[in-house]
PDB file of N, CA and C in Angstrom:
ATOM      1  N   UNK A   1     102.899 118.202  77.340  1.00  0.00           N
ATOM      2  CA  UNK A   1     103.778 117.079  77.087  1.00  0.00           C
ATOM      3  C   UNK A   1     104.855 116.937  78.158  1.00  0.00           C
ATOM      4  N   UNK A   2     104.819 117.756  79.190  1.00  0.00           N
ATOM      5  CA  UNK A   2     105.807 117.665  80.256  1.00  0.00           C
ATOM      6  C   UNK A   2     105.721 116.320  80.974  1.00  0.00           C
ATOM      7  N   UNK A   3     104.528 115.758  81.103  1.00  0.00           N
ATOM      8  CA  UNK A   3     104.355 114.479  81.787  1.00  0.00           C
ATOM      9  C   UNK A   3     105.021 113.341  81.032  1.00  0.00           C
ATOM     10  N   UNK A   4     105.101 113.464  79.703  1.00  0.00           N
ATOM     11  CA  UNK A   4     105.688 112.401  78.898  1.00  0.00           C
ATOM     12  C   UNK A   4     107.193 112.280  79.135  1.00  0.00           C
ATOM     13  N   UNK A   5     107.822 113.386  79.501  1.00  0.00           N
ATOM     14  CA  UNK A   5     109.261 113.386  79.749  1.00  0.00           C
ATOM     15  C   UNK A   5     109.633 112.440  80.892  1.00  0.00           C
ATOM     16  N   UNK A   6     108.763 112.338  81.885  1.00  0.00           N
ATOM     17  CA  UNK A   6     109.050 111.512  83.055  1.00  0.00           C
ATOM     18  C   UNK A   6     108.227 110.227  83.094  1.00  0.00           C
ATOM     19  N   UNK A   7     107.555 109.896  82.015  1.00  0.00           N
ATOM     20  CA  UNK A   7     106.674 108.726  82.007  1.00  0.00           C
ATOM     21  C   UNK A   7     107.442 107.427  82.210  1.00  0.00           C
ATOM     22  N   UNK A   8     108.624 107.324  81.652  1.00  0.00           N
ATOM     23  CA  UNK A   8     109.392 106.086  81.738  1.00  0.00           C
ATOM     24  C   UNK A   8     110.692 106.267  82.505  1.00  0.00           C
ATOM     25  N   UNK A   9     110.742 107.239  83.380  1.00  0.00           N
ATOM     26  CA  UNK A   9     111.946 107.507  84.160  1.00  0.00           C
ATOM     27  C   UNK A   9     112.125 106.435  85.232  1.00  0.00           C
ATOM     28  N   UNK A  10     113.363 106.064  85.482  1.00  0.00           N
ATOM     29  CA  UNK A  10     113.692 105.122  86.549  1.00  0.00           C
ATOM     30  C   UNK A  10     114.669 105.808  87.496  1.00  0.00           C
ATOM     31  N   UNK A  11     114.791 105.234  88.676  1.00  0.00           N
ATOM     32  CA  UNK A  11     115.714 105.796  89.658  1.00  0.00           C
ATOM     33  C   UNK A  11     117.148 105.631  89.179  1.00  0.00           C
ATOM     34  N   UNK A  12     118.009 106.483  89.670  1.00  0.00           N
ATOM     35  CA  UNK A  12     119.415 106.375  89.309  1.00  0.00           C
ATOM     36  C   UNK A  12     120.014 105.140  89.965  1.00  0.00           C
ATOM     37  N   UNK A  13     120.983 104.494  89.313  1.00  0.00           N
ATOM     38  CA  UNK A  13     121.601 103.313  89.919  1.00  0.00           C
ATOM     39  C   UNK A  13     122.422 103.691  91.146  1.00  0.00           C
ATOM     40  N   UNK A  14     122.667 102.706  91.974  1.00  0.00           N
ATOM     41  CA  UNK A  14     123.427 102.928  93.198  1.00  0.00           C
ATOM     42  C   UNK A  14     122.606 102.498  94.392  1.00  0.00           C
ATOM     43  N   UNK A  15     123.218 102.532  95.532  1.00  0.00           N
ATOM     44  CA  UNK A  15     122.534 102.098  96.751  1.00  0.00           C
ATOM     45  C   UNK A  15     121.416 103.068  97.105  1.00  0.00           C
ATOM     46  N   UNK A  16     120.311 102.524  97.552  1.00  0.00           N
ATOM     47  CA  UNK A  16     119.178 103.341  97.974  1.00  0.00           C
ATOM     48  C   UNK A  16     119.472 103.947  99.340  1.00  0.00           C
ATOM     49  N   UNK A  17     118.920 105.102  99.574  1.00  0.00           N
ATOM     50  CA  UNK A  17     119.057 105.733 100.883  1.00  0.00           C
ATOM     51  C   UNK A  17     117.764 105.510 101.656  1.00  0.00           C
ATOM     52  N   UNK A  18     117.806 104.683 102.687  1.00  0.00           N
ATOM     53  CA  UNK A  18     116.583 104.375 103.431  1.00  0.00           C
ATOM     54  C   UNK A  18     116.191 105.502 104.379  1.00  0.00           C
ATOM     55  N   UNK A  19     114.914 105.514 104.728  1.00  0.00           N
ATOM     56  CA  UNK A  19     114.449 106.417 105.773  1.00  0.00           C
ATOM     57  C   UNK A  19     114.938 105.870 107.115  1.00  0.00           C
ATOM     58  N   UNK A  20     114.685 106.599 108.170  1.00  0.00           N
ATOM     59  CA  UNK A  20     115.149 106.168 109.494  1.00  0.00           C
ATOM     60  C   UNK A  20     114.494 104.851 109.913  1.00  0.00           C
ATOM     61  N   UNK A  21     113.204 104.699 109.649  1.00  0.00           N
ATOM     62  CA  UNK A  21     112.518 103.449 110.002  1.00  0.00           C
ATOM     63  C   UNK A  21     113.035 102.289 109.172  1.00  0.00           C
ATOM     64  N   UNK A  22     113.250 102.521 107.889  1.00  0.00           N
ATOM     65  CA  UNK A  22     113.780 101.469 107.017  1.00  0.00           C
ATOM     66  C   UNK A  22     115.193 101.087 107.433  1.00  0.00           C
ATOM     67  N   UNK A  23     116.000 102.077 107.796  1.00  0.00           N
ATOM     68  CA  UNK A  23     117.372 101.809 108.234  1.00  0.00           C
ATOM     69  C   UNK A  23     117.369 100.954 109.503  1.00  0.00           C
ATOM     70  N   UNK A  24     116.477 101.261 110.418  1.00  0.00           N
ATOM     71  CA  UNK A  24     116.391 100.493 111.662  1.00  0.00           C
ATOM     72  C   UNK A  24     115.989  99.042 111.384  1.00  0.00           C
ATOM     73  N   UNK A  25     115.040  98.838 110.474  1.00  0.00           N
ATOM     74  CA  UNK A  25     114.625  97.477 110.111  1.00  0.00           C
ATOM     75  C   UNK A  25     115.764  96.701 109.465  1.00  0.00           C
ATOM     76  N   UNK A  26     116.470  97.348 108.546  1.00  0.00           N
ATOM     77  CA  UNK A  26     117.578  96.683 107.857  1.00  0.00           C
ATOM     78  C   UNK A  26     118.690  96.361 108.847  1.00  0.00           C
ATOM     79  N   UNK A  27     118.967  97.256 109.770  1.00  0.00           N
ATOM     80  CA  UNK A  27     120.004  97.003 110.774  1.00  0.00           C
ATOM     81  C   UNK A  27     119.647  95.802 111.643  1.00  0.00           C
ATOM     82  N   UNK A  28     118.388  95.727 112.070  1.00  0.00           N
ATOM     83  CA  UNK A  28     117.962  94.577 112.885  1.00  0.00           C
ATOM     84  C   UNK A  28     118.066  93.284 112.098  1.00  0.00           C
ATOM     85  N   UNK A  29     117.630  93.311 110.841  1.00  0.00           N
ATOM     86  CA  UNK A  29     117.689  92.119 109.994  1.00  0.00           C
ATOM     87  C   UNK A  29     119.132  91.680 109.769  1.00  0.00           C
ATOM     88  N   UNK A  30     119.997  92.627 109.422  1.00  0.00           N
ATOM     89  CA  UNK A  30     121.404  92.302 109.159  1.00  0.00           C
ATOM     90  C   UNK A  30     122.103  91.811 110.423  1.00  0.00           C
ATOM     91  N   UNK A  31     121.802  92.422 111.558  1.00  0.00           N
ATOM     92  CA  UNK A  31     122.419  91.983 112.815  1.00  0.00           C
ATOM     93  C   UNK A  31     122.003  90.554 113.155  1.00  0.00           C
ATOM     94  N   UNK A  32     120.747  90.217 112.909  1.00  0.00           N
ATOM     95  CA  UNK A  32     120.284  88.849 113.179  1.00  0.00           C
ATOM     96  C   UNK A  32     120.960  87.850 112.248  1.00  0.00           C
ATOM     97  N   UNK A  33     121.152  88.228 110.996  1.00  0.00           N
ATOM     98  CA  UNK A  33     121.808  87.337 110.033  1.00  0.00           C
ATOM     99  C   UNK A  33     123.264  87.113 110.429  1.00  0.00           C
ATOM    100  N   UNK A  34     123.966  88.177 110.781  1.00  0.00           N
ATOM    101  CA  UNK A  34     125.378  88.064 111.156  1.00  0.00           C
ATOM    102  C   UNK A  34     125.521  87.285 112.461  1.00  0.00           C
ATOM    103  N   UNK A  35     124.630  87.530 113.407  1.00  0.00           N
ATOM    104  CA  UNK A  35     124.689  86.826 114.695  1.00  0.00           C
ATOM    105  C   UNK A  35     124.516  85.318 114.506  1.00  0.00           C
ATOM    106  N   UNK A  36     123.701  84.926 113.544  1.00  0.00           N
ATOM    107  CA  UNK A  36     123.481  83.496 113.276  1.00  0.00           C
ATOM    108  C   UNK A  36     124.509  82.918 112.307  1.00  0.00           C
ATOM    109  N   UNK A  37     125.455  83.745 111.883  1.00  0.00           N
ATOM    110  CA  UNK A  37     126.525  83.347 110.964  1.00  0.00           C
ATOM    111  C   UNK A  37     125.975  82.838 109.631  1.00  0.00           C
ATOM    112  N   UNK A  38     124.960  83.528 109.126  1.00  0.00           N
ATOM    113  CA  UNK A  38     124.345  83.176 107.849  1.00  0.00           C
ATOM    114  C   UNK A  38     124.663  84.189 106.756  1.00  0.00           C
ATOM    115  N   UNK A  39     125.696  84.981 106.952  1.00  0.00           N
ATOM    116  CA  UNK A  39     126.014  86.030 105.988  1.00  0.00           C
ATOM    117  C   UNK A  39     126.298  85.490 104.594  1.00  0.00           C
ATOM    118  N   UNK A  40     127.133  84.459 104.413  1.00  0.00           N
ATOM    119  CA  UNK A  40     127.373  83.975 103.041  1.00  0.00           C
ATOM    120  C   UNK A  40     126.101  83.487 102.352  1.00  0.00           C
ATOM    121  N   UNK A  41     125.268  82.757 103.081  1.00  0.00           N
ATOM    122  CA  UNK A  41     124.017  82.273 102.489  1.00  0.00           C
ATOM    123  C   UNK A  41     123.086  83.434 102.149  1.00  0.00           C
ATOM    124  N   UNK A  42     123.024  84.428 103.019  1.00  0.00           N
ATOM    125  CA  UNK A  42     122.164  85.583 102.767  1.00  0.00           C
ATOM    126  C   UNK A  42     122.660  86.380 101.565  1.00  0.00           C
ATOM    127  N   UNK A  43     123.980  86.540 101.443  1.00  0.00           N
ATOM    128  CA  UNK A  43     124.526  87.280 100.303  1.00  0.00           C
ATOM    129  C   UNK A  43     124.247  86.561  98.989  1.00  0.00           C
ATOM    130  N   UNK A  44     124.381  85.240  98.981  1.00  0.00           N
ATOM    131  CA  UNK A  44     124.075  84.475  97.766  1.00  0.00           C
ATOM    132  C   UNK A  44     122.602  84.622  97.416  1.00  0.00           C
ATOM    133  N   UNK A  45     121.730  84.499  98.419  1.00  0.00           N
ATOM    134  CA  UNK A  45     120.298  84.636  98.174  1.00  0.00           C
ATOM    135  C   UNK A  45     119.959  86.025  97.648  1.00  0.00           C
ATOM    136  N   UNK A  46     120.534  87.060  98.249  1.00  0.00           N
ATOM    137  CA  UNK A  46     120.239  88.426  97.816  1.00  0.00           C
ATOM    138  C   UNK A  46     120.719  88.683  96.395  1.00  0.00           C
ATOM    139  N   UNK A  47     121.893  88.171  96.056  1.00  0.00           N
ATOM    140  CA  UNK A  47     122.395  88.364  94.692  1.00  0.00           C
ATOM    141  C   UNK A  47     121.527  87.626  93.674  1.00  0.00           C
ATOM    142  N   UNK A  48     121.036  86.441  94.045  1.00  0.00           N
ATOM    143  CA  UNK A  48     120.163  85.705  93.129  1.00  0.00           C
ATOM    144  C   UNK A  48     118.803  86.387  92.997  1.00  0.00           C
ATOM    145  N   UNK A  49     118.327  86.991  94.068  1.00  0.00           N
ATOM    146  CA  UNK A  49     117.003  87.606  94.068  1.00  0.00           C
ATOM    147  C   UNK A  49     117.028  89.071  93.648  1.00  0.00           C
ATOM    148  N   UNK A  50     118.191  89.607  93.337  1.00  0.00           N
ATOM    149  CA  UNK A  50     118.293  91.027  92.989  1.00  0.00           C
ATOM    150  C   UNK A  50     117.333  91.442  91.872  1.00  0.00           C
ATOM    151  N   UNK A  51     117.208  90.681  90.773  1.00  0.00           N
ATOM    152  CA  UNK A  51     116.275  91.115  89.725  1.00  0.00           C
ATOM    153  C   UNK A  51     114.808  91.047  90.151  1.00  0.00           C
ATOM    154  N   UNK A  52     114.522  90.334  91.228  1.00  0.00           N
ATOM    155  CA  UNK A  52     113.139  90.138  91.645  1.00  0.00           C
ATOM    156  C   UNK A  52     112.776  90.926  92.897  1.00  0.00           C
ATOM    157  N   UNK A  53     113.594  91.893  93.297  1.00  0.00           N
ATOM    158  CA  UNK A  53     113.320  92.579  94.555  1.00  0.00           C
ATOM    159  C   UNK A  53     112.012  93.358  94.511  1.00  0.00           C
ATOM    160  N   UNK A  54     111.661  93.940  93.385  1.00  0.00           N
ATOM    161  CA  UNK A  54     110.392  94.664  93.291  1.00  0.00           C
ATOM    162  C   UNK A  54     109.223  93.685  93.400  1.00  0.00           C
ATOM    163  N   UNK A  55     109.370  92.521  92.783  1.00  0.00           N
ATOM    164  CA  UNK A  55     108.326  91.497  92.870  1.00  0.00           C
ATOM    165  C   UNK A  55     108.171  91.003  94.309  1.00  0.00           C
ATOM    166  N   UNK A  56     109.283  90.857  95.005  1.00  0.00           N
ATOM    167  CA  UNK A  56     109.227  90.471  96.414  1.00  0.00           C
ATOM    168  C   UNK A  56     108.519  91.516  97.262  1.00  0.00           C
ATOM    169  N   UNK A  57     108.755  92.784  96.950  1.00  0.00           N
ATOM    170  CA  UNK A  57     108.073  93.858  97.670  1.00  0.00           C
ATOM    171  C   UNK A  57     106.572  93.796  97.424  1.00  0.00           C
ATOM    172  N   UNK A  58     106.187  93.523  96.192  1.00  0.00           N
ATOM    173  CA  UNK A  58     104.764  93.416  95.880  1.00  0.00           C
ATOM    174  C   UNK A  58     104.140  92.211  96.580  1.00  0.00           C
ATOM    175  N   UNK A  59     104.896  91.120  96.702  1.00  0.00           N
ATOM    176  CA  UNK A  59     104.397  89.947  97.426  1.00  0.00           C
ATOM    177  C   UNK A  59     104.194  90.284  98.906  1.00  0.00           C
ATOM    178  N   UNK A  60     105.113  91.067  99.482  1.00  0.00           N
ATOM    179  CA  UNK A  60     104.935  91.488 100.875  1.00  0.00           C
ATOM    180  C   UNK A  60     103.676  92.327 101.030  1.00  0.00           C
ATOM    181  N   UNK A  61     103.431  93.236 100.082  1.00  0.00           N
ATOM    182  CA  UNK A  61     102.207  94.038 100.131  1.00  0.00           C
ATOM    183  C   UNK A  61     100.972  93.144 100.019  1.00  0.00           C
ATOM    184  N   UNK A  62     101.039  92.120  99.167  1.00  0.00           N
ATOM    185  CA  UNK A  62      99.912  91.214  98.974  1.00  0.00           C
ATOM    186  C   UNK A  62      99.589  90.441 100.248  1.00  0.00           C
ATOM    187  N   UNK A  63     100.618  89.972 100.946  1.00  0.00           N
ATOM    188  CA  UNK A  63     100.412  89.176 102.154  1.00  0.00           C
ATOM    189  C   UNK A  63     100.276  90.022 103.416  1.00  0.00           C
ATOM    190  N   UNK A  64     100.252  91.335 103.284  1.00  0.00           N
ATOM    191  CA  UNK A  64     100.175  92.224 104.441  1.00  0.00           C
ATOM    192  C   UNK A  64      98.953  91.955 105.332  1.00  0.00           C
ATOM    193  N   UNK A  65      97.763  91.668 104.795  1.00  0.00           N
ATOM    194  CA  UNK A  65      96.639  91.372 105.704  1.00  0.00           C
ATOM    195  C   UNK A  65      96.901  90.155 106.593  1.00  0.00           C
ATOM    196  N   UNK A  66      97.573  89.151 106.062  1.00  0.00           N
ATOM    197  CA  UNK A  66      97.874  87.964 106.860  1.00  0.00           C
ATOM    198  C   UNK A  66      98.973  88.259 107.877  1.00  0.00           C
ATOM    199  N   UNK A  67      99.959  89.023 107.461  1.00  0.00           N
ATOM    200  CA  UNK A  67     101.068  89.373 108.355  1.00  0.00           C
ATOM    201  C   UNK A  67     100.571  90.251 109.495  1.00  0.00           C
ATOM    202  N   UNK A  68      99.667  91.184 109.189  1.00  0.00           N
ATOM    203  CA  UNK A  68      99.173  92.087 110.225  1.00  0.00           C
ATOM    204  C   UNK A  68      98.314  91.359 111.252  1.00  0.00           C
ATOM    205  N   UNK A  69      97.756  90.203 110.888  1.00  0.00           N
ATOM    206  CA  UNK A  69      96.987  89.424 111.856  1.00  0.00           C
ATOM    207  C   UNK A  69      97.898  88.745 112.871  1.00  0.00           C
ATOM    208  N   UNK A  70      99.146  88.491 112.482  1.00  0.00           N
ATOM    209  CA  UNK A  70     100.080  87.769 113.343  1.00  0.00           C
ATOM    210  C   UNK A  70     101.016  88.707 114.096  1.00  0.00           C
ATOM    211  N   UNK A  71     101.432  89.780 113.443  1.00  0.00           N
ATOM    212  CA  UNK A  71     102.443  90.661 114.024  1.00  0.00           C
ATOM    213  C   UNK A  71     102.113  92.117 113.707  1.00  0.00           C
ATOM    214  N   UNK A  72     102.951  93.001 114.170  1.00  0.00           N
ATOM    215  CA  UNK A  72     102.818  94.419 113.868  1.00  0.00           C
ATOM    216  C   UNK A  72     103.070  94.632 112.380  1.00  0.00           C
ATOM    217  N   UNK A  73     102.172  95.294 111.687  1.00  0.00           N
ATOM    218  CA  UNK A  73     102.266  95.425 110.234  1.00  0.00           C
ATOM    219  C   UNK A  73     103.184  96.560 109.796  1.00  0.00           C
ATOM    220  N   UNK A  74     103.606  97.429 110.694  1.00  0.00           N
ATOM    221  CA  UNK A  74     104.429  98.565 110.278  1.00  0.00           C
ATOM    222  C   UNK A  74     105.795  98.136 109.763  1.00  0.00           C
ATOM    223  N   UNK A  75     106.426  97.174 110.416  1.00  0.00           N
ATOM    224  CA  UNK A  75     107.751  96.724 109.991  1.00  0.00           C
ATOM    225  C   UNK A  75     107.759  96.169 108.584  1.00  0.00           C
ATOM    226  N   UNK A  76     106.929  95.158 108.294  1.00  0.00           N
ATOM    227  CA  UNK A  76     106.906  94.627 106.924  1.00  0.00           C
ATOM    228  C   UNK A  76     106.471  95.657 105.885  1.00  0.00           C
ATOM    229  N   UNK A  77     105.593  96.579 106.274  1.00  0.00           N
ATOM    230  CA  UNK A  77     105.147  97.606 105.330  1.00  0.00           C
ATOM    231  C   UNK A  77     106.307  98.520 104.943  1.00  0.00           C
ATOM    232  N   UNK A  78     107.087  98.932 105.923  1.00  0.00           N
ATOM    233  CA  UNK A  78     108.234  99.793 105.635  1.00  0.00           C
ATOM    234  C   UNK A  78     109.323  99.028 104.883  1.00  0.00           C
ATOM    235  N   UNK A  79     109.503  97.753 105.218  1.00  0.00           N
ATOM    236  CA  UNK A  79     110.501  96.945 104.518  1.00  0.00           C
ATOM    237  C   UNK A  79     110.099  96.738 103.059  1.00  0.00           C
ATOM    238  N   UNK A  80     108.815  96.514 102.806  1.00  0.00           N
ATOM    239  CA  UNK A  80     108.337  96.369 101.429  1.00  0.00           C
ATOM    240  C   UNK A  80     108.532  97.665 100.652  1.00  0.00           C
ATOM    241  N   UNK A  81     108.288  98.796 101.298  1.00  0.00           N
ATOM    242  CA  UNK A  81     108.507 100.083 100.629  1.00  0.00           C
ATOM    243  C   UNK A  81     109.983 100.276 100.306  1.00  0.00           C
ATOM    244  N   UNK A  82     110.863  99.819 101.195  1.00  0.00           N
ATOM    245  CA  UNK A  82     112.296  99.929 100.928  1.00  0.00           C
ATOM    246  C   UNK A  82     112.711  99.019  99.783  1.00  0.00           C
ATOM    247  N   UNK A  83     112.160  97.800  99.730  1.00  0.00           N
ATOM    248  CA  UNK A  83     112.511  96.873  98.656  1.00  0.00           C
ATOM    249  C   UNK A  83     112.067  97.371  97.285  1.00  0.00           C
ATOM    250  N   UNK A  84     111.097  98.259  97.240  1.00  0.00           N
ATOM    251  CA  UNK A  84     110.656  98.808  95.961  1.00  0.00           C
ATOM    252  C   UNK A  84     111.697  99.737  95.347  1.00  0.00           C
ATOM    253  N   UNK A  85     112.610 100.224  96.157  1.00  0.00           N
ATOM    254  CA  UNK A  85     113.648 101.119  95.642  1.00  0.00           C
ATOM    255  C   UNK A  85     114.689 100.327  94.875  1.00  0.00           C
ATOM    256  N   UNK A  86     115.228 100.932  93.860  1.00  0.00           N
ATOM    257  CA  UNK A  86     116.130 100.259  92.931  1.00  0.00           C
ATOM    258  C   UNK A  86     117.403  99.720  93.587  1.00  0.00           C
ATOM    259  N   UNK A  87     118.016 100.434  94.486  1.00  0.00           N
ATOM    260  CA  UNK A  87     119.285 100.016  95.076  1.00  0.00           C
ATOM    261  C   UNK A  87     119.159  99.389  96.453  1.00  0.00           C
ATOM    262  N   UNK A  88     117.986  98.901  96.805  1.00  0.00           N
ATOM    263  CA  UNK A  88     117.778  98.375  98.158  1.00  0.00           C
ATOM    264  C   UNK A  88     118.613  97.127  98.437  1.00  0.00           C
ATOM    265  N   UNK A  89     118.712  96.232  97.478  1.00  0.00           N
ATOM    266  CA  UNK A  89     119.488  95.006  97.688  1.00  0.00           C
ATOM    267  C   UNK A  89     120.968  95.346  97.842  1.00  0.00           C
ATOM    268  N   UNK A  90     121.435  96.304  97.059  1.00  0.00           N
ATOM    269  CA  UNK A  90     122.832  96.735  97.178  1.00  0.00           C
ATOM    270  C   UNK A  90     123.108  97.302  98.568  1.00  0.00           C
ATOM    271  N   UNK A  91     122.175  98.082  99.108  1.00  0.00           N
ATOM    272  CA  UNK A  91     122.342  98.639 100.450  1.00  0.00           C
ATOM    273  C   UNK A  91     122.392  97.529 101.500  1.00  0.00           C
ATOM    274  N   UNK A  92     121.488  96.551 101.386  1.00  0.00           N
ATOM    275  CA  UNK A  92     121.442  95.458 102.361  1.00  0.00           C
ATOM    276  C   UNK A  92     122.720  94.631 102.301  1.00  0.00           C
ATOM    277  N   UNK A  93     123.190  94.313 101.101  1.00  0.00           N
ATOM    278  CA  UNK A  93     124.422  93.519 100.991  1.00  0.00           C
ATOM    279  C   UNK A  93     125.620  94.287 101.539  1.00  0.00           C
ATOM    280  N   UNK A  94     125.656  95.587 101.294  1.00  0.00           N
ATOM    281  CA  UNK A  94     126.763  96.394 101.825  1.00  0.00           C
ATOM    282  C   UNK A  94     126.747  96.401 103.352  1.00  0.00           C
ATOM    283  N   UNK A  95     125.558  96.542 103.947  1.00  0.00           N
ATOM    284  CA  UNK A  95     125.460  96.538 105.407  1.00  0.00           C
ATOM    285  C   UNK A  95     125.840  95.175 105.986  1.00  0.00           C
ATOM    286  N   UNK A  96     125.429  94.093 105.311  1.00  0.00           N
ATOM    287  CA  UNK A  96     125.810  92.756 105.776  1.00  0.00           C
ATOM    288  C   UNK A  96     127.325  92.589 105.768  1.00  0.00           C
ATOM    289  N   UNK A  97     127.963  93.028 104.695  1.00  0.00           N
ATOM    290  CA  UNK A  97     129.417  92.899 104.597  1.00  0.00           C
ATOM    291  C   UNK A  97     130.118  93.751 105.646  1.00  0.00           C
ATOM    292  N   UNK A  98     129.597  94.959 105.908  1.00  0.00           N
ATOM    293  CA  UNK A  98     130.204  95.823 106.924  1.00  0.00           C
ATOM    294  C   UNK A  98     130.072  95.213 108.320  1.00  0.00           C
ATOM    295  N   UNK A  99     128.893  94.706 108.639  1.00  0.00           N
ATOM    296  CA  UNK A  99     128.700  94.091 109.956  1.00  0.00           C
ATOM    297  C   UNK A  99     129.531  92.825 110.112  1.00  0.00           C
ATOM    298  N   UNK A 100     129.645  92.053 109.048  1.00  0.00           N
ATOM    299  CA  UNK A 100     130.450  90.825 109.092  1.00  0.00           C
ATOM    300  C   UNK A 100     131.924  91.157 109.305  1.00  0.00           C
ATOM    301  N   UNK A 101     132.405  92.212 108.657  1.00  0.00           N
ATOM    302  CA  UNK A 101     133.822  92.563 108.799  1.00  0.00           C
ATOM    303  C   UNK A 101     134.132  93.095 110.201  1.00  0.00           C
ATOM    304  N   UNK A 102     133.180  93.772 110.830  1.00  0.00           N
ATOM    305  CA  UNK A 102     133.430  94.268 112.181  1.00  0.00           C
ATOM    306  C   UNK A 102     133.343  93.155 113.216  1.00  0.00           C
ATOM    307  N   UNK A 103     132.532  92.127 112.947  1.00  0.00           N
ATOM    308  CA  UNK A 103     132.416  91.022 113.904  1.00  0.00           C
ATOM    309  C   UNK A 103     133.440  89.930 113.654  1.00  0.00           C
ATOM    310  N   UNK A 104     133.868  89.782 112.393  1.00  0.00           N
ATOM    311  CA  UNK A 104     134.796  88.701 112.048  1.00  0.00           C
ATOM    312  C   UNK A 104     136.167  89.070 112.396  1.00  0.00           C
TER     313      UNK A 104
END
């Protein structure tokens, strides 16, 4: 019955800790958003999409064959894996706010 103890376990709340590849992808994405001055729009979108981040990750996995035909598939694959984590949106919003405050 040891398996039953963890059958419905979820990750602890809080910001997710990305791997080095995931961190690099998020940094590039956030830097591009801040450079284009789209931080407020991105923050609103992320807050609205927060309950659906796992679904978005699954959609990225679903479209991976099409994405890999056009571009390198490693980036979207790692980003989808990061979005599956519970606190991924919180981490991205925090990084956007930090980059915006240093540039603003």
